[in-house]
Amino acid sequence: MESLSLLPSKIKSMKLKNRFIRSATFEGMADFEGRPTQKLKELYCNLADGGLGLIVTGLAHVDGYKNLPDIKGLPFPLAIDEDRFINDWGDLIEEVHIRGAKIAMQISHLGRQDIPHLREPVAPSAVQLENSGSVPRELTFNEINELIEKFAQSCRRVKEAGFDAVQLHGGHGYLISNFISPYFNIRNDEYGGNTENRARFIVKILEKARLLVGHEFPILIKMNFDDFIKGGLKKDEAIKIAKIIIEAGIDAIEVTGGTSSNNPLHESAKGITDEKDEAYFVSYAKALKNHVSIPVILVGGFRSLTVIDKLLTDGIVDFISMARPLICEPGLIKRWKDGNIKKAKCISCNKCKENISKQSLRCYIDEPLEQA
């Protein structure tokens, strides 16, 4: 019997050849203005050749950095904050489509986790970062509305560029997750306070985006279901927020968790050596699936096809999203489809993430860890 993970499915109007998604991962392969490079194109083509149904790009800024120096070798982020970037993606998207995959762009603002020497970090409230003494500047009401417009216009650009979908980054301590978290959002206006108010930032983005992209273009979100910090967002309230944003127009939710804290249970947990260590956000996905009818995507530690098949067969999730295993082994899905179902080679060392500020994304599995 063919694995359910390898059967076709769809997210709204987007038809996918299987249930495997490459989760958004910062690649550091843009040029200094935020445009895709040949290196990034080759990466996505390799992933498409490797059998994925959907590729989600690393985050693209809706409010990009200005006047970055063109320093050779520096890992630059993508940008989609101006119309001049729309025409840069046509050839890359076409090559991905030729290989049978679909591609979505993830859009984001770093919020309180922005890079201080490049730009002042901002957030819904001036709450100190848990790992440092820095405090982001509290956004004004007008600035919030300006950022909503920037997110919406970025959705439009993503569609006009030819992508198959757009994904909002609502996790990991970036701006959207700052708004929905009771720890980071202590405002007393319509964008803070109760659950509905903290969800309003996403709702307003969706309302404006739908006016620009229509109701058929898929809008996804990667969303925290637990901040893993005292006083942060927890599962029950996250499900309430999910219901609110589904009503506003979200088409699929990728379940994740964690912020920049040192809590070991976050989006890139180490120590995945056994099947019992995999799918470490599954309890959140299962709870969400009991309350919603849209597709639920789960990321977090997948290494074994047996674990994946059970989750899909049991109806706990609809799609499986992976990042680190595909950095290590871009052809993993094709290998599984061809009958070699040994677990992914990734050893969860996290050197791919720890070194991303120094050079573009790659795997270090064949290097001694102390030298990586």
Protein backbone atom coordinates (compact mmCIF):
# COMPACT_ATOMS: atom_id res chain seq x y z
CA MET A 1 0.00 0.00 0.00
CA GLU A 2 1.39 3.39 -1.00
CA SER A 3 2.27 5.74 1.80
CA LEU A 4 -0.46 8.32 2.43
CA SER A 5 2.28 10.94 2.61
CA LEU A 6 3.01 10.40 -1.07
CA LEU A 7 -0.56 10.81 -2.31
CA PRO A 8 -1.80 14.08 -3.84
CA SER A 9 -3.65 16.65 -1.77
CA LYS A 10 -4.39 20.36 -1.86
CA ILE A 11 -4.52 23.53 0.18
CA LYS A 12 -7.44 25.55 -1.11
CA SER A 13 -6.78 26.00 -4.86
CA MET A 14 -3.17 24.80 -4.66
CA LYS A 15 -2.84 21.17 -5.76
CA LEU A 16 0.19 19.35 -4.33
CA LYS A 17 1.60 16.03 -5.51
CA ASN A 18 2.20 14.83 -1.95
CA ARG A 19 1.94 15.83 1.72
CA PHE A 20 5.55 16.94 2.18
CA ILE A 21 6.43 20.60 2.69
CA ARG A 22 9.81 22.21 3.07
CA SER A 23 9.39 24.45 6.10
CA ALA A 24 10.69 28.00 5.72
CA THR A 25 14.36 28.20 6.63
CA PHE A 26 16.62 31.24 6.46
CA GLU A 27 19.10 30.50 3.68
CA GLY A 28 21.20 33.67 3.58
CA MET A 29 21.31 33.36 -0.20
CA ALA A 30 19.85 36.68 -1.30
CA ASP A 31 22.00 39.50 -2.65
CA PHE A 32 22.59 42.59 -0.52
CA GLU A 33 19.36 44.16 -1.81
CA GLY A 34 17.23 41.12 -1.00
CA ARG A 35 16.95 39.54 -4.44
CA PRO A 36 17.29 35.78 -5.08
CA THR A 37 20.66 34.59 -6.32
CA GLN A 38 21.67 31.71 -8.57
CA LYS A 39 22.72 29.83 -5.43
CA LEU A 40 19.20 30.13 -4.02
CA LYS A 41 17.71 29.02 -7.33
CA GLU A 42 19.92 25.92 -7.30
CA LEU A 43 18.85 25.14 -3.73
CA TYR A 44 15.14 25.28 -4.57
CA CYS A 45 15.63 23.27 -7.76
CA ASN A 46 17.45 20.58 -5.75
CA LEU A 47 14.59 20.49 -3.26
CA ALA A 48 12.05 20.24 -6.08
CA ASP A 49 14.05 17.46 -7.73
CA GLY A 50 14.10 15.79 -4.33
CA GLY A 51 10.37 15.11 -4.45
CA LEU A 52 8.73 17.79 -2.30
CA GLY A 53 5.15 18.84 -2.87
CA LEU A 54 5.63 22.41 -1.62
CA ILE A 55 8.67 24.56 -0.92
CA VAL A 56 8.31 27.52 1.42
CA THR A 57 11.06 30.11 1.04
CA GLY A 58 13.07 31.50 3.88
CA LEU A 59 11.45 34.60 5.31
CA ALA A 60 11.26 37.68 3.11
CA HIS A 61 11.05 41.05 4.81
CA VAL A 62 7.93 43.15 4.38
CA ASP A 63 9.93 46.15 5.60
CA GLY A 64 13.40 45.45 4.30
CA TYR A 65 16.74 46.84 5.37
CA LYS A 66 17.98 49.84 3.43
CA ASN A 67 21.52 50.49 2.24
CA LEU A 68 23.08 47.22 3.37
CA PRO A 69 26.76 47.05 2.35
CA ASP A 70 27.57 44.55 -0.39
CA ILE A 71 30.01 42.46 1.61
CA LYS A 72 30.98 39.29 -0.24
CA GLY A 73 30.04 36.15 1.67
CA LEU A 74 27.66 37.87 4.09
CA PRO A 75 24.36 35.90 4.33
CA PHE A 76 21.67 38.35 3.22
CA PRO A 77 17.90 38.02 3.77
CA LEU A 78 15.21 38.15 1.10
CA ALA A 79 13.02 41.22 0.67
CA ILE A 80 9.57 41.69 -0.84
CA ASP A 81 8.81 45.19 0.46
CA GLU A 82 8.94 46.97 -2.91
CA ASP A 83 7.45 46.32 -6.34
CA ARG A 84 10.93 46.24 -7.87
CA PHE A 85 11.35 42.72 -6.45
CA ILE A 86 8.29 41.24 -8.21
CA ASN A 87 9.99 40.40 -11.51
CA ASP A 88 13.04 38.77 -9.91
CA TRP A 89 11.32 35.45 -9.25
CA GLY A 90 9.85 34.35 -12.58
CA ASP A 91 12.64 32.06 -13.80
CA LEU A 92 13.14 30.47 -10.38
CA ILE A 93 9.43 29.75 -9.92
CA GLU A 94 9.20 28.31 -13.43
CA GLU A 95 12.11 25.94 -12.76
CA VAL A 96 10.48 24.74 -9.53
CA HIS A 97 7.18 24.16 -11.38
CA ILE A 98 8.92 22.25 -14.17
CA ARG A 99 10.20 19.87 -11.50
CA GLY A 100 6.68 19.20 -10.24
CA ALA A 101 6.74 21.21 -7.01
CA LYS A 102 4.84 24.27 -5.86
CA ILE A 103 6.45 27.20 -4.08
CA ALA A 104 5.21 29.70 -1.49
CA MET A 105 6.97 32.72 -0.06
CA GLN A 106 7.08 33.29 3.67
CA ILE A 107 6.84 36.96 4.65
CA SER A 108 7.85 38.39 7.99
CA HIS A 109 9.06 41.25 10.15
CA LEU A 110 11.59 40.40 12.85
CA GLY A 111 9.92 42.63 15.42
CA ARG A 112 11.60 42.56 18.82
CA GLN A 113 14.26 40.21 17.44
CA ASP A 114 15.45 42.66 14.80
CA ILE A 115 19.17 43.35 14.42
CA PRO A 116 20.00 46.46 16.50
CA HIS A 117 23.02 47.58 14.46
CA LEU A 118 20.87 47.53 11.31
CA ARG A 119 17.55 48.82 12.63
CA GLU A 120 15.80 49.64 15.87
CA PRO A 121 13.85 46.60 17.14
CA VAL A 122 10.14 47.32 17.52
CA ALA A 123 7.27 45.39 19.08
CA PRO A 124 3.69 45.86 20.26
CA SER A 125 5.08 46.62 23.74
CA ALA A 126 8.43 47.61 25.23
CA VAL A 127 9.05 44.25 26.90
CA GLN A 128 12.65 43.27 27.59
CA LEU A 129 14.07 40.36 25.63
CA GLU A 130 14.46 37.36 27.91
CA ASN A 131 18.04 36.68 26.77
CA SER A 132 19.40 40.23 26.85
CA GLY A 133 19.02 43.64 28.36
CA SER A 134 17.67 45.18 25.16
CA VAL A 135 14.14 46.54 25.06
CA PRO A 136 12.30 47.03 21.74
CA ARG A 137 10.54 50.30 21.06
CA GLU A 138 6.76 50.16 21.38
CA LEU A 139 5.01 50.69 18.06
CA THR A 140 2.62 53.59 17.76
CA PHE A 141 -0.95 52.97 16.64
CA ASN A 142 -0.20 54.56 13.26
CA GLU A 143 2.93 52.47 12.81
CA ILE A 144 0.93 49.30 13.42
CA ASN A 145 -1.51 50.26 10.68
CA GLU A 146 1.41 51.03 8.36
CA LEU A 147 2.88 47.58 9.02
CA ILE A 148 -0.48 45.94 8.32
CA GLU A 149 -0.45 47.67 4.94
CA LYS A 150 3.12 46.49 4.31
CA PHE A 151 2.18 42.89 5.02
CA ALA A 152 -0.87 43.14 2.75
CA GLN A 153 1.07 44.73 -0.10
CA SER A 154 3.74 42.06 0.27
CA CYS A 155 1.04 39.40 -0.15
CA ARG A 156 0.06 41.13 -3.39
CA ARG A 157 3.67 41.14 -4.60
CA VAL A 158 4.03 37.44 -3.79
CA LYS A 159 1.01 36.64 -5.95
CA GLU A 160 2.12 38.93 -8.78
CA ALA A 161 5.59 37.35 -8.73
CA GLY A 162 3.98 34.00 -9.58
CA PHE A 163 4.19 32.14 -6.28
CA ASP A 164 1.53 29.53 -5.55
CA ALA A 165 0.83 30.80 -2.03
CA VAL A 166 2.06 33.12 0.70
CA GLN A 167 2.82 32.22 4.31
CA LEU A 168 2.75 34.69 7.21
CA HIS A 169 5.43 34.02 9.83
CA GLY A 170 3.51 33.99 13.09
CA GLY A 171 6.01 32.13 15.22
CA HIS A 172 9.35 32.13 17.00
CA GLY A 173 9.22 35.58 18.56
CA TYR A 174 8.95 37.64 15.38
CA LEU A 175 6.50 40.51 15.01
CA ILE A 176 3.25 38.64 14.38
CA SER A 177 3.92 36.27 17.26
CA ASN A 178 4.78 39.29 19.42
CA PHE A 179 1.25 40.55 18.86
CA ILE A 180 -0.55 37.31 19.76
CA SER A 181 1.59 36.62 22.83
CA PRO A 182 0.29 37.91 26.19
CA TYR A 183 3.90 38.11 27.39
CA PHE A 184 5.12 40.43 24.64
CA ASN A 185 1.89 42.35 24.01
CA ILE A 186 0.66 44.34 27.01
CA ARG A 187 -0.95 47.16 25.03
CA ASN A 188 -4.21 48.70 26.20
CA ASP A 189 -5.60 49.74 22.82
CA GLU A 190 -7.46 47.68 20.21
CA TYR A 191 -4.29 45.73 19.36
CA GLY A 192 -3.66 44.49 22.91
CA GLY A 193 -5.33 43.09 25.98
CA ASN A 194 -7.81 40.28 25.36
CA THR A 195 -7.42 37.44 22.87
CA GLU A 196 -9.49 39.09 20.15
CA ASN A 197 -7.47 42.30 20.33
CA ARG A 198 -4.12 40.51 20.19
CA ALA A 199 -5.34 38.58 17.13
CA ARG A 200 -6.45 41.79 15.43
CA PHE A 201 -3.07 42.45 13.81
CA ILE A 202 -3.38 39.21 11.81
CA VAL A 203 -7.07 39.79 11.09
CA LYS A 204 -6.38 43.24 9.66
CA ILE A 205 -3.54 41.88 7.51
CA LEU A 206 -5.91 39.25 6.11
CA GLU A 207 -8.70 41.74 5.47
CA LYS A 208 -6.43 44.04 3.50
CA ALA A 209 -4.59 41.21 1.76
CA ARG A 210 -7.81 39.60 0.53
CA LEU A 211 -8.79 42.88 -1.12
CA LEU A 212 -5.52 42.69 -3.07
CA VAL A 213 -5.13 38.97 -3.86
CA GLY A 214 -8.74 37.77 -3.88
CA HIS A 215 -10.21 34.83 -2.03
CA GLU A 216 -8.73 31.97 -4.07
CA PHE A 217 -5.04 32.69 -3.49
CA PRO A 218 -3.86 30.55 -0.55
CA ILE A 219 -2.70 32.43 2.54
CA LEU A 220 -1.01 30.22 5.12
CA ILE A 221 0.45 30.96 8.53
CA LYS A 222 3.23 29.41 10.60
CA MET A 223 2.03 30.01 14.13
CA ASN A 224 3.21 29.50 17.68
CA PHE A 225 0.99 27.32 19.84
CA ASP A 226 3.25 27.67 22.87
CA ASP A 227 5.89 30.34 23.54
CA PHE A 228 7.47 28.08 26.19
CA ILE A 229 7.99 31.04 28.49
CA LYS A 230 6.14 31.91 31.68
CA GLY A 231 3.23 34.19 30.86
CA GLY A 232 3.52 33.49 27.13
CA LEU A 233 1.04 32.11 24.63
CA LYS A 234 -0.30 28.65 25.48
CA LYS A 235 -2.22 26.00 23.58
CA ASP A 236 -5.81 26.81 24.57
CA GLU A 237 -5.54 30.48 23.72
CA ALA A 238 -3.62 29.72 20.54
CA ILE A 239 -6.53 27.57 19.38
CA LYS A 240 -8.91 30.48 20.05
CA ILE A 241 -6.67 32.72 17.94
CA ALA A 242 -6.55 30.08 15.21
CA LYS A 243 -10.36 30.08 15.03
CA ILE A 244 -10.41 33.87 14.76
CA ILE A 245 -7.90 34.03 11.92
CA ILE A 246 -9.52 31.14 10.07
CA GLU A 247 -12.75 33.13 10.08
CA ALA A 248 -10.75 36.05 8.70
CA GLY A 249 -9.34 34.01 5.82
CA ILE A 250 -6.34 31.83 6.73
CA ASP A 251 -6.27 28.68 4.58
CA ALA A 252 -3.80 26.43 6.46
CA ILE A 253 -1.86 26.55 9.72
CA GLU A 254 1.65 25.22 10.31
CA VAL A 255 1.96 24.37 14.00
CA THR A 256 5.17 25.41 15.73
CA GLY A 257 6.38 26.88 19.00
CA GLY A 258 9.13 28.64 20.89
CA THR A 259 10.87 31.99 20.87
CA SER A 260 14.47 33.10 21.26
CA SER A 261 14.54 31.81 24.85
CA ASN A 262 16.92 29.10 25.96
CA ASN A 263 14.11 26.62 26.54
CA PRO A 264 15.20 23.36 24.87
CA LEU A 265 11.72 22.74 23.47
CA HIS A 266 11.60 25.12 20.55
CA GLU A 267 11.43 25.05 16.76
CA SER A 268 14.81 23.31 16.37
CA ALA A 269 15.12 20.94 19.32
CA LYS A 270 18.26 18.84 19.56
CA GLY A 271 18.58 15.24 20.66
CA ILE A 272 16.25 13.59 18.15
CA THR A 273 17.65 10.06 18.27
CA ASP A 274 14.53 7.91 18.51
CA GLU A 275 11.04 7.88 17.02
CA LYS A 276 9.61 8.92 20.38
CA ASP A 277 11.59 12.18 20.09
CA GLU A 278 10.02 13.06 16.74
CA ALA A 279 6.95 15.22 16.10
CA TYR A 280 7.49 17.14 19.32
CA PHE A 281 4.63 19.57 18.61
CA VAL A 282 2.11 16.82 17.87
CA SER A 283 -0.05 17.43 20.94
CA TYR A 284 -0.69 20.98 19.73
CA ALA A 285 -1.53 19.84 16.20
CA LYS A 286 -3.89 17.19 17.52
CA ALA A 287 -5.70 19.71 19.70
CA LEU A 288 -5.98 22.15 16.80
CA LYS A 289 -7.24 19.48 14.40
CA ASN A 290 -10.13 18.77 16.79
CA HIS A 291 -11.35 22.35 16.36
CA VAL A 292 -10.75 23.28 12.71
CA SER A 293 -11.53 22.02 9.23
CA ILE A 294 -8.69 23.69 7.30
CA PRO A 295 -5.43 21.78 6.68
CA VAL A 296 -3.10 21.43 9.65
CA ILE A 297 0.62 21.28 8.89
CA LEU A 298 3.04 19.95 11.49
CA VAL A 299 6.75 20.70 11.76
CA GLY A 300 9.17 19.55 14.43
CA GLY A 301 11.73 16.78 14.44
CA PHE A 302 10.51 14.41 11.72
CA ARG A 303 13.08 11.80 10.75
CA SER A 304 11.08 8.58 10.14
CA LEU A 305 8.50 7.74 7.49
CA THR A 306 6.75 5.39 9.93
CA VAL A 307 6.06 8.27 12.33
CA ILE A 308 4.81 10.43 9.47
CA ASP A 309 2.53 7.75 8.05
CA LYS A 310 0.89 7.10 11.41
CA LEU A 311 0.09 10.77 11.98
CA LEU A 312 -1.43 11.10 8.51
CA THR A 313 -3.32 7.79 8.69
CA ASP A 314 -4.74 8.68 12.10
CA GLY A 315 -5.93 12.03 10.72
CA ILE A 316 -3.98 14.03 13.30
CA VAL A 317 -2.38 16.24 10.64
CA ASP A 318 -2.82 16.84 6.92
CA PHE A 319 0.71 17.79 5.87
CA ILE A 320 4.25 17.23 7.17
CA SER A 321 6.77 20.05 7.18
CA MET A 322 10.52 19.61 7.54
CA ALA A 323 13.56 21.86 7.55
CA ARG A 324 16.81 20.40 8.91
CA PRO A 325 16.48 16.93 7.30
CA LEU A 326 16.19 18.62 3.91
CA ILE A 327 19.25 20.77 4.54
CA CYS A 328 21.15 17.56 5.13
CA GLU A 329 19.41 15.53 2.43
CA PRO A 330 17.48 17.50 -0.24
CA GLY A 331 16.49 14.24 -1.97
CA LEU A 332 14.98 12.63 1.13
CA ILE A 333 11.40 12.41 -0.16
CA LYS A 334 12.50 10.90 -3.47
CA ARG A 335 14.58 8.36 -1.57
CA TRP A 336 11.59 7.35 0.52
CA LYS A 337 9.38 7.19 -2.57
CA ASP A 338 11.94 4.95 -4.29
CA GLY A 339 11.67 2.46 -1.45
CA ASN A 340 14.63 3.29 0.75
CA ILE A 341 12.76 4.24 3.91
CA LYS A 342 15.70 4.46 6.31
CA LYS A 343 15.24 7.49 8.54
CA ALA A 344 16.66 10.86 7.55
CA LYS A 345 20.41 11.33 7.94
CA CYS A 346 20.05 14.55 9.95
CA ILE A 347 21.51 14.21 13.47
CA SER A 348 19.89 17.41 14.85
CA CYS A 349 23.24 18.99 15.71
CA ASN A 350 21.87 22.44 14.74
CA LYS A 351 25.19 23.56 13.27
CA CYS A 352 23.26 24.58 10.15
CA LYS A 353 21.39 27.16 12.26
CA GLU A 354 24.21 28.14 14.57
CA ASN A 355 26.49 29.13 11.69
CA ILE A 356 23.91 30.92 9.54
CA SER A 357 25.10 34.37 10.66
CA LYS A 358 28.55 33.58 9.24
CA GLN A 359 27.71 31.96 5.91
CA SER A 360 24.77 30.78 3.84
CA LEU A 361 22.80 27.67 4.75
CA ARG A 362 24.47 24.26 4.53
CA CYS A 363 24.82 20.99 6.43
CA TYR A 364 27.81 20.19 8.65
CA ILE A 365 27.17 16.48 9.21
CA ASP A 366 30.41 15.45 7.51
CA GLU A 367 32.54 17.84 9.58
CA PRO A 368 33.72 17.35 13.18
CA LEU A 369 31.28 19.31 15.32
CA GLU A 370 34.03 21.18 17.17
CA GLN A 371 35.22 22.58 13.83
CA ALA A 372 31.78 23.36 12.37
